[in-house]
Amino acid sequence: MQLYLMRHGEAGHEARYDRERSLTETGFHHTALMSEWLKSSGVKFQLVLVSPYVRAQQTWQEVSSHFPTPRKSKVLDELVPAADPEMAARLVLAYAEQYQAENVLVISHMPLLGYMVSELVPGIEPPLFATSSVAMVDIIGHHSELMWQQTAHSIS
């Protein structure tokens, strides 16, 4: 299975609550750039799991406009910034197995994404995720490896 972990696009700060922050124009632009870069690799997602926060939902809306509709997409409260990374990683793997998904996209937040990588790839330090960036973890049986991490800034 190939697990694509994506941080939401850049968000503004003009919201009463953190969960209500919206993407900026730059956030939409960088998300579109990353989406096109991913699309050019030929990947098609069978399963997409997204945080319920507005900026993650908007990121998914932008990404989804560049790809065929996945077999299943779900909003998960376990993908918020302060979620338990071990639980989030186990949940993502369980959904991937349930839906027999070979390519899974998760759209979430820091610090959760960095800690999820550490949960999935033992011995690795939690990587930082710039907004709109994506990391790909390849999981074969009980072996997993962080294959690459890409930022929108490096492809723009």
N, C-alpha and C. Protein backbone atom coordinates (compact mmCIF):
# COMPACT_ATOMS: atom_id res chain seq x y z
N MET A 1 0.85 -1.18 0.00
CA MET A 1 0.00 0.00 0.00
C MET A 1 0.89 1.23 0.00
N GLN A 2 0.43 2.23 -0.71
CA GLN A 2 1.11 3.51 -0.70
C GLN A 2 0.21 4.51 0.02
N LEU A 3 0.76 5.07 1.08
CA LEU A 3 0.02 6.02 1.92
C LEU A 3 0.58 7.41 1.68
N TYR A 4 -0.28 8.29 1.18
CA TYR A 4 0.10 9.68 0.90
C TYR A 4 -0.45 10.54 2.04
N LEU A 5 0.45 11.17 2.77
CA LEU A 5 0.06 12.02 3.90
C LEU A 5 0.25 13.47 3.47
N MET A 6 -0.82 14.23 3.47
CA MET A 6 -0.79 15.61 2.98
C MET A 6 -1.24 16.57 4.07
N ARG A 7 -0.47 17.63 4.23
CA ARG A 7 -0.90 18.71 5.12
C ARG A 7 -1.78 19.66 4.32
N HIS A 8 -2.79 20.19 4.96
CA HIS A 8 -3.68 21.16 4.34
C HIS A 8 -2.90 22.35 3.80
N GLY A 9 -3.54 23.10 2.92
CA GLY A 9 -2.92 24.30 2.37
C GLY A 9 -2.84 25.42 3.41
N GLU A 10 -2.11 26.47 3.06
CA GLU A 10 -1.96 27.63 3.95
C GLU A 10 -3.33 28.17 4.32
N ALA A 11 -3.52 28.45 5.61
CA ALA A 11 -4.81 28.96 6.09
C ALA A 11 -4.61 30.32 6.76
N GLY A 12 -5.65 31.14 6.65
CA GLY A 12 -5.64 32.43 7.32
C GLY A 12 -5.92 32.26 8.81
N HIS A 13 -5.87 33.37 9.51
CA HIS A 13 -6.09 33.33 10.95
C HIS A 13 -7.37 34.05 11.36
N GLU A 14 -8.17 34.48 10.39
CA GLU A 14 -9.38 35.24 10.66
C GLU A 14 -10.56 34.32 10.93
N ALA A 15 -10.51 33.63 12.05
CA ALA A 15 -11.61 32.74 12.42
C ALA A 15 -11.71 32.72 13.94
N ARG A 16 -12.91 32.52 14.42
CA ARG A 16 -13.12 32.49 15.86
C ARG A 16 -12.48 31.26 16.49
N TYR A 17 -12.57 30.13 15.78
CA TYR A 17 -12.01 28.87 16.28
C TYR A 17 -11.02 28.32 15.26
N ASP A 18 -10.01 27.62 15.74
CA ASP A 18 -9.00 27.02 14.88
C ASP A 18 -9.63 26.14 13.80
N ARG A 19 -10.63 25.37 14.15
CA ARG A 19 -11.25 24.43 13.21
C ARG A 19 -11.96 25.15 12.05
N GLU A 20 -12.21 26.46 12.18
CA GLU A 20 -12.94 27.22 11.16
C GLU A 20 -12.04 28.00 10.21
N ARG A 21 -10.72 27.91 10.40
CA ARG A 21 -9.80 28.67 9.54
C ARG A 21 -9.89 28.18 8.09
N SER A 22 -9.94 29.12 7.17
CA SER A 22 -10.07 28.83 5.74
C SER A 22 -8.74 28.98 5.01
N LEU A 23 -8.64 28.31 3.87
CA LEU A 23 -7.45 28.45 3.04
C LEU A 23 -7.34 29.87 2.50
N THR A 24 -6.11 30.31 2.36
CA THR A 24 -5.84 31.58 1.70
C THR A 24 -5.76 31.33 0.20
N GLU A 25 -5.67 32.38 -0.56
CA GLU A 25 -5.48 32.25 -2.00
C GLU A 25 -4.21 31.45 -2.30
N THR A 26 -3.15 31.73 -1.54
CA THR A 26 -1.90 30.98 -1.68
C THR A 26 -2.11 29.51 -1.34
N GLY A 27 -2.90 29.25 -0.31
CA GLY A 27 -3.19 27.87 0.08
C GLY A 27 -3.87 27.09 -1.03
N PHE A 28 -4.84 27.72 -1.68
CA PHE A 28 -5.50 27.07 -2.82
C PHE A 28 -4.52 26.84 -3.96
N HIS A 29 -3.69 27.87 -4.25
CA HIS A 29 -2.73 27.78 -5.35
C HIS A 29 -1.72 26.66 -5.12
N HIS A 30 -1.12 26.61 -3.93
CA HIS A 30 -0.12 25.57 -3.64
C HIS A 30 -0.75 24.18 -3.64
N THR A 31 -1.97 24.08 -3.16
CA THR A 31 -2.67 22.79 -3.18
C THR A 31 -2.91 22.34 -4.62
N ALA A 32 -3.28 23.26 -5.48
CA ALA A 32 -3.47 22.94 -6.89
C ALA A 32 -2.16 22.48 -7.52
N LEU A 33 -1.05 23.17 -7.22
CA LEU A 33 0.26 22.77 -7.74
C LEU A 33 0.62 21.36 -7.30
N MET A 34 0.43 21.08 -6.01
CA MET A 34 0.75 19.75 -5.49
C MET A 34 -0.15 18.70 -6.11
N SER A 35 -1.41 19.03 -6.29
CA SER A 35 -2.35 18.09 -6.91
C SER A 35 -1.92 17.73 -8.32
N GLU A 36 -1.52 18.72 -9.09
CA GLU A 36 -1.06 18.48 -10.46
C GLU A 36 0.22 17.65 -10.46
N TRP A 37 1.11 17.92 -9.52
CA TRP A 37 2.35 17.16 -9.43
C TRP A 37 2.03 15.69 -9.12
N LEU A 38 1.14 15.46 -8.15
CA LEU A 38 0.74 14.09 -7.81
C LEU A 38 0.06 13.41 -9.00
N LYS A 39 -0.82 14.14 -9.65
CA LYS A 39 -1.54 13.58 -10.80
C LYS A 39 -0.57 13.15 -11.90
N SER A 40 0.49 13.93 -12.11
CA SER A 40 1.47 13.61 -13.14
C SER A 40 2.22 12.31 -12.83
N SER A 41 2.20 11.88 -11.57
CA SER A 41 2.85 10.62 -11.20
C SER A 41 1.98 9.42 -11.54
N GLY A 42 0.73 9.68 -11.91
CA GLY A 42 -0.18 8.61 -12.30
C GLY A 42 -0.95 7.96 -11.16
N VAL A 43 -0.79 8.47 -9.96
CA VAL A 43 -1.48 7.88 -8.81
C VAL A 43 -2.99 8.15 -8.89
N LYS A 44 -3.75 7.15 -8.47
CA LYS A 44 -5.21 7.29 -8.34
C LYS A 44 -5.56 6.77 -6.95
N PHE A 45 -6.27 7.56 -6.19
CA PHE A 45 -6.59 7.20 -4.80
C PHE A 45 -7.88 6.39 -4.74
N GLN A 46 -7.80 5.25 -4.05
CA GLN A 46 -9.01 4.46 -3.82
C GLN A 46 -9.73 4.93 -2.55
N LEU A 47 -8.96 5.45 -1.60
CA LEU A 47 -9.50 5.87 -0.31
C LEU A 47 -8.89 7.21 0.07
N VAL A 48 -9.75 8.14 0.53
CA VAL A 48 -9.28 9.44 1.01
C VAL A 48 -9.89 9.65 2.39
N LEU A 49 -9.02 9.99 3.36
CA LEU A 49 -9.43 10.24 4.74
C LEU A 49 -9.04 11.67 5.09
N VAL A 50 -10.00 12.45 5.60
CA VAL A 50 -9.79 13.89 5.77
C VAL A 50 -10.23 14.35 7.15
N SER A 51 -9.48 15.28 7.70
CA SER A 51 -9.84 15.96 8.94
C SER A 51 -11.14 16.75 8.73
N PRO A 52 -11.92 16.93 9.78
CA PRO A 52 -13.15 17.73 9.64
C PRO A 52 -12.91 19.23 9.64
N TYR A 53 -11.70 19.70 9.91
CA TYR A 53 -11.44 21.13 9.95
C TYR A 53 -11.63 21.74 8.56
N VAL A 54 -12.10 22.98 8.53
CA VAL A 54 -12.43 23.66 7.26
C VAL A 54 -11.24 23.66 6.30
N ARG A 55 -10.06 23.99 6.76
CA ARG A 55 -8.91 24.09 5.85
C ARG A 55 -8.55 22.73 5.23
N ALA A 56 -8.76 21.64 5.96
CA ALA A 56 -8.51 20.31 5.40
C ALA A 56 -9.60 19.95 4.40
N GLN A 57 -10.84 20.30 4.71
CA GLN A 57 -11.94 20.03 3.79
C GLN A 57 -11.75 20.80 2.48
N GLN A 58 -11.34 22.07 2.59
CA GLN A 58 -11.09 22.87 1.39
C GLN A 58 -9.92 22.31 0.58
N THR A 59 -8.91 21.81 1.28
CA THR A 59 -7.78 21.19 0.59
C THR A 59 -8.26 19.98 -0.20
N TRP A 60 -9.10 19.14 0.42
CA TRP A 60 -9.63 17.98 -0.27
C TRP A 60 -10.49 18.39 -1.47
N GLN A 61 -11.28 19.45 -1.33
CA GLN A 61 -12.09 19.91 -2.45
C GLN A 61 -11.20 20.28 -3.64
N GLU A 62 -10.11 20.96 -3.35
CA GLU A 62 -9.18 21.34 -4.43
C GLU A 62 -8.50 20.11 -5.03
N VAL A 63 -7.97 19.24 -4.18
CA VAL A 63 -7.31 18.02 -4.66
C VAL A 63 -8.28 17.19 -5.50
N SER A 64 -9.50 17.04 -5.02
CA SER A 64 -10.48 16.17 -5.71
C SER A 64 -10.82 16.67 -7.11
N SER A 65 -10.63 17.96 -7.35
CA SER A 65 -10.92 18.48 -8.69
C SER A 65 -9.87 18.06 -9.72
N HIS A 66 -8.77 17.46 -9.26
CA HIS A 66 -7.69 17.05 -10.15
C HIS A 66 -7.64 15.53 -10.37
N PHE A 67 -8.46 14.79 -9.63
CA PHE A 67 -8.39 13.32 -9.66
C PHE A 67 -9.76 12.70 -9.90
N PRO A 68 -9.76 11.46 -10.39
CA PRO A 68 -11.03 10.73 -10.46
C PRO A 68 -11.58 10.52 -9.04
N THR A 69 -12.87 10.35 -8.93
CA THR A 69 -13.49 10.15 -7.63
C THR A 69 -13.00 8.83 -7.01
N PRO A 70 -12.53 8.89 -5.75
CA PRO A 70 -12.07 7.64 -5.11
C PRO A 70 -13.25 6.73 -4.81
N ARG A 71 -12.96 5.45 -4.58
CA ARG A 71 -14.02 4.51 -4.19
C ARG A 71 -14.70 4.96 -2.91
N LYS A 72 -13.91 5.51 -1.98
CA LYS A 72 -14.47 5.92 -0.68
C LYS A 72 -13.70 7.12 -0.17
N SER A 73 -14.44 8.07 0.42
CA SER A 73 -13.80 9.16 1.15
C SER A 73 -14.55 9.32 2.47
N LYS A 74 -13.81 9.60 3.52
CA LYS A 74 -14.40 9.71 4.85
C LYS A 74 -13.78 10.89 5.59
N VAL A 75 -14.60 11.54 6.40
CA VAL A 75 -14.14 12.57 7.30
C VAL A 75 -13.97 11.91 8.66
N LEU A 76 -12.78 12.08 9.26
CA LEU A 76 -12.48 11.42 10.53
C LEU A 76 -12.07 12.43 11.60
N ASP A 77 -12.79 12.43 12.71
CA ASP A 77 -12.43 13.29 13.84
C ASP A 77 -11.07 12.93 14.41
N GLU A 78 -10.58 11.73 14.14
CA GLU A 78 -9.27 11.29 14.63
C GLU A 78 -8.10 11.88 13.85
N LEU A 79 -8.38 12.76 12.89
CA LEU A 79 -7.31 13.38 12.09
C LEU A 79 -7.13 14.87 12.38
N VAL A 80 -7.59 15.33 13.54
CA VAL A 80 -7.41 16.73 13.93
C VAL A 80 -6.00 16.93 14.47
N PRO A 81 -5.54 18.19 14.60
CA PRO A 81 -4.14 18.44 14.97
C PRO A 81 -3.68 17.75 16.26
N ALA A 82 -4.51 17.71 17.28
CA ALA A 82 -4.08 17.17 18.57
C ALA A 82 -4.47 15.70 18.76
N ALA A 83 -4.83 15.02 17.69
CA ALA A 83 -5.25 13.62 17.79
C ALA A 83 -4.07 12.73 18.21
N ASP A 84 -4.40 11.55 18.69
CA ASP A 84 -3.39 10.56 19.08
C ASP A 84 -2.80 9.93 17.82
N PRO A 85 -1.48 10.11 17.58
CA PRO A 85 -0.90 9.62 16.33
C PRO A 85 -0.93 8.10 16.18
N GLU A 86 -0.77 7.36 17.28
CA GLU A 86 -0.82 5.91 17.20
C GLU A 86 -2.23 5.46 16.79
N MET A 87 -3.24 6.05 17.42
CA MET A 87 -4.62 5.70 17.07
C MET A 87 -4.93 6.09 15.63
N ALA A 88 -4.48 7.28 15.22
CA ALA A 88 -4.75 7.75 13.85
C ALA A 88 -4.09 6.82 12.83
N ALA A 89 -2.85 6.43 13.08
CA ALA A 89 -2.15 5.53 12.15
C ALA A 89 -2.86 4.18 12.07
N ARG A 90 -3.23 3.62 13.21
CA ARG A 90 -3.94 2.33 13.22
C ARG A 90 -5.27 2.42 12.48
N LEU A 91 -5.98 3.53 12.70
CA LEU A 91 -7.27 3.73 12.05
C LEU A 91 -7.13 3.83 10.53
N VAL A 92 -6.15 4.58 10.07
CA VAL A 92 -5.90 4.72 8.64
C VAL A 92 -5.59 3.35 8.03
N LEU A 93 -4.75 2.56 8.69
CA LEU A 93 -4.41 1.23 8.18
C LEU A 93 -5.63 0.31 8.18
N ALA A 94 -6.47 0.42 9.20
CA ALA A 94 -7.68 -0.40 9.27
C ALA A 94 -8.65 -0.05 8.15
N TYR A 95 -8.83 1.24 7.88
CA TYR A 95 -9.71 1.64 6.78
C TYR A 95 -9.14 1.19 5.44
N ALA A 96 -7.82 1.30 5.28
CA ALA A 96 -7.19 0.86 4.03
C ALA A 96 -7.45 -0.63 3.80
N GLU A 97 -7.34 -1.41 4.86
CA GLU A 97 -7.60 -2.84 4.75
C GLU A 97 -9.08 -3.10 4.47
N GLN A 98 -9.95 -2.41 5.20
CA GLN A 98 -11.39 -2.61 5.01
C GLN A 98 -11.82 -2.34 3.57
N TYR A 99 -11.28 -1.27 2.99
CA TYR A 99 -11.68 -0.89 1.63
C TYR A 99 -10.73 -1.42 0.56
N GLN A 100 -9.78 -2.27 0.96
CA GLN A 100 -8.81 -2.87 0.05
C GLN A 100 -8.17 -1.81 -0.85
N ALA A 101 -7.71 -0.75 -0.22
CA ALA A 101 -7.14 0.38 -0.95
C ALA A 101 -5.62 0.24 -1.05
N GLU A 102 -5.11 0.37 -2.25
CA GLU A 102 -3.67 0.33 -2.48
C GLU A 102 -3.04 1.72 -2.41
N ASN A 103 -3.83 2.75 -2.73
CA ASN A 103 -3.35 4.14 -2.68
C ASN A 103 -4.32 4.93 -1.80
N VAL A 104 -3.80 5.39 -0.67
CA VAL A 104 -4.63 6.09 0.31
C VAL A 104 -4.07 7.50 0.51
N LEU A 105 -4.96 8.48 0.47
CA LEU A 105 -4.60 9.87 0.74
C LEU A 105 -5.20 10.27 2.08
N VAL A 106 -4.36 10.83 2.95
CA VAL A 106 -4.80 11.37 4.22
C VAL A 106 -4.51 12.86 4.20
N ILE A 107 -5.52 13.69 4.47
CA ILE A 107 -5.32 15.14 4.54
C ILE A 107 -5.57 15.56 5.97
N SER A 108 -4.51 16.11 6.60
CA SER A 108 -4.59 16.42 8.02
C SER A 108 -3.69 17.60 8.35
N HIS A 109 -3.11 17.58 9.53
CA HIS A 109 -2.44 18.75 10.12
C HIS A 109 -1.12 18.36 10.78
N MET A 110 -0.33 19.38 11.07
CA MET A 110 0.81 19.26 11.98
C MET A 110 0.26 19.50 13.39
N PRO A 111 0.79 18.88 14.39
CA PRO A 111 1.93 17.96 14.39
C PRO A 111 1.54 16.50 14.09
N LEU A 112 0.25 16.22 13.96
CA LEU A 112 -0.20 14.85 13.81
C LEU A 112 0.51 14.11 12.68
N LEU A 113 0.61 14.71 11.50
CA LEU A 113 1.20 14.02 10.35
C LEU A 113 2.63 13.57 10.63
N GLY A 114 3.43 14.45 11.21
CA GLY A 114 4.82 14.08 11.52
C GLY A 114 4.88 12.90 12.48
N TYR A 115 4.05 12.93 13.50
CA TYR A 115 4.04 11.82 14.46
C TYR A 115 3.47 10.55 13.84
N MET A 116 2.54 10.67 12.92
CA MET A 116 2.03 9.48 12.24
C MET A 116 3.14 8.80 11.44
N VAL A 117 3.98 9.59 10.78
CA VAL A 117 5.10 9.01 10.04
C VAL A 117 5.99 8.21 11.00
N SER A 118 6.27 8.77 12.18
CA SER A 118 7.07 8.06 13.18
C SER A 118 6.41 6.78 13.66
N GLU A 119 5.08 6.79 13.75
CA GLU A 119 4.36 5.58 14.14
C GLU A 119 4.43 4.52 13.04
N LEU A 120 4.34 4.95 11.81
CA LEU A 120 4.30 4.03 10.68
C LEU A 120 5.68 3.51 10.28
N VAL A 121 6.71 4.34 10.46
CA VAL A 121 8.07 3.99 10.07
C VAL A 121 8.94 4.04 11.33
N PRO A 122 9.05 2.92 12.03
CA PRO A 122 9.80 2.90 13.29
C PRO A 122 11.23 3.40 13.12
N GLY A 123 11.65 4.21 14.10
CA GLY A 123 13.01 4.71 14.11
C GLY A 123 13.21 6.03 13.39
N ILE A 124 12.20 6.53 12.71
CA ILE A 124 12.35 7.80 12.00
C ILE A 124 11.85 8.94 12.89
N GLU A 125 12.58 10.05 12.85
CA GLU A 125 12.16 11.25 13.57
C GLU A 125 10.94 11.84 12.86
N PRO A 126 10.02 12.44 13.62
CA PRO A 126 8.85 13.04 12.96
C PRO A 126 9.27 14.15 11.99
N PRO A 127 8.97 13.99 10.70
CA PRO A 127 9.32 15.05 9.76
C PRO A 127 8.36 16.24 9.88
N LEU A 128 8.85 17.40 9.50
CA LEU A 128 7.99 18.58 9.43
C LEU A 128 7.27 18.57 8.09
N PHE A 129 6.06 19.07 8.08
CA PHE A 129 5.28 19.18 6.85
C PHE A 129 4.96 20.64 6.62
N ALA A 130 5.46 21.20 5.52
CA ALA A 130 5.04 22.54 5.12
C ALA A 130 3.59 22.44 4.65
N THR A 131 2.89 23.55 4.59
CA THR A 131 1.52 23.51 4.08
C THR A 131 1.52 23.00 2.64
N SER A 132 0.51 22.23 2.29
CA SER A 132 0.32 21.61 0.97
C SER A 132 1.38 20.56 0.62
N SER A 133 2.23 20.17 1.56
CA SER A 133 3.25 19.18 1.24
C SER A 133 2.70 17.77 1.44
N VAL A 134 3.37 16.82 0.80
CA VAL A 134 2.95 15.43 0.83
C VAL A 134 4.16 14.54 1.10
N ALA A 135 3.95 13.53 1.92
CA ALA A 135 4.95 12.47 2.13
C ALA A 135 4.31 11.16 1.71
N MET A 136 5.12 10.27 1.14
CA MET A 136 4.61 8.95 0.75
C MET A 136 5.32 7.88 1.55
N VAL A 137 4.50 7.08 2.24
CA VAL A 137 5.00 5.95 3.00
C VAL A 137 4.56 4.68 2.27
N ASP A 138 5.53 3.84 1.93
CA ASP A 138 5.25 2.58 1.27
C ASP A 138 5.17 1.50 2.34
N ILE A 139 4.07 0.77 2.38
CA ILE A 139 3.85 -0.24 3.41
C ILE A 139 3.63 -1.58 2.72
N ILE A 140 4.53 -2.52 3.00
CA ILE A 140 4.42 -3.87 2.46
C ILE A 140 4.48 -4.83 3.64
N GLY A 141 3.36 -5.45 3.94
CA GLY A 141 3.29 -6.34 5.11
C GLY A 141 3.58 -5.56 6.37
N HIS A 142 4.61 -6.01 7.10
CA HIS A 142 4.99 -5.33 8.34
C HIS A 142 6.16 -4.37 8.14
N HIS A 143 6.57 -4.18 6.89
CA HIS A 143 7.68 -3.28 6.59
C HIS A 143 7.13 -1.98 5.99
N SER A 144 7.62 -0.86 6.49
CA SER A 144 7.21 0.43 5.93
C SER A 144 8.42 1.33 5.80
N GLU A 145 8.36 2.20 4.80
CA GLU A 145 9.48 3.09 4.53
C GLU A 145 8.97 4.43 4.01
N LEU A 146 9.55 5.50 4.52
CA LEU A 146 9.25 6.83 4.00
C LEU A 146 10.01 6.97 2.68
N MET A 147 9.26 7.01 1.58
CA MET A 147 9.89 7.01 0.25
C MET A 147 10.31 8.40 -0.19
N TRP A 148 9.46 9.38 0.05
CA TRP A 148 9.76 10.75 -0.33
C TRP A 148 8.83 11.73 0.38
N GLN A 149 9.26 12.98 0.37
CA GLN A 149 8.43 14.08 0.87
C GLN A 149 8.62 15.25 -0.08
N GLN A 150 7.51 15.84 -0.50
CA GLN A 150 7.55 16.90 -1.51
C GLN A 150 6.80 18.13 -1.02
N THR A 151 7.36 19.29 -1.24
CA THR A 151 6.68 20.54 -0.89
C THR A 151 6.20 21.24 -2.15
N ALA A 152 5.15 22.00 -2.02
CA ALA A 152 4.64 22.78 -3.14
C ALA A 152 5.64 23.84 -3.57
N HIS A 153 6.40 24.36 -2.61
CA HIS A 153 7.38 25.41 -2.92
C HIS A 153 8.47 24.91 -3.87
N SER A 154 8.83 23.63 -3.76
CA SER A 154 9.90 23.10 -4.59
C SER A 154 9.44 22.75 -6.01
N ILE A 155 8.12 22.72 -6.24
CA ILE A 155 7.63 22.44 -7.60
C ILE A 155 7.04 23.65 -8.28
N SER A 156 6.96 24.77 -7.55
CA SER A 156 6.32 25.96 -8.14
C SER A 156 7.30 26.75 -8.98
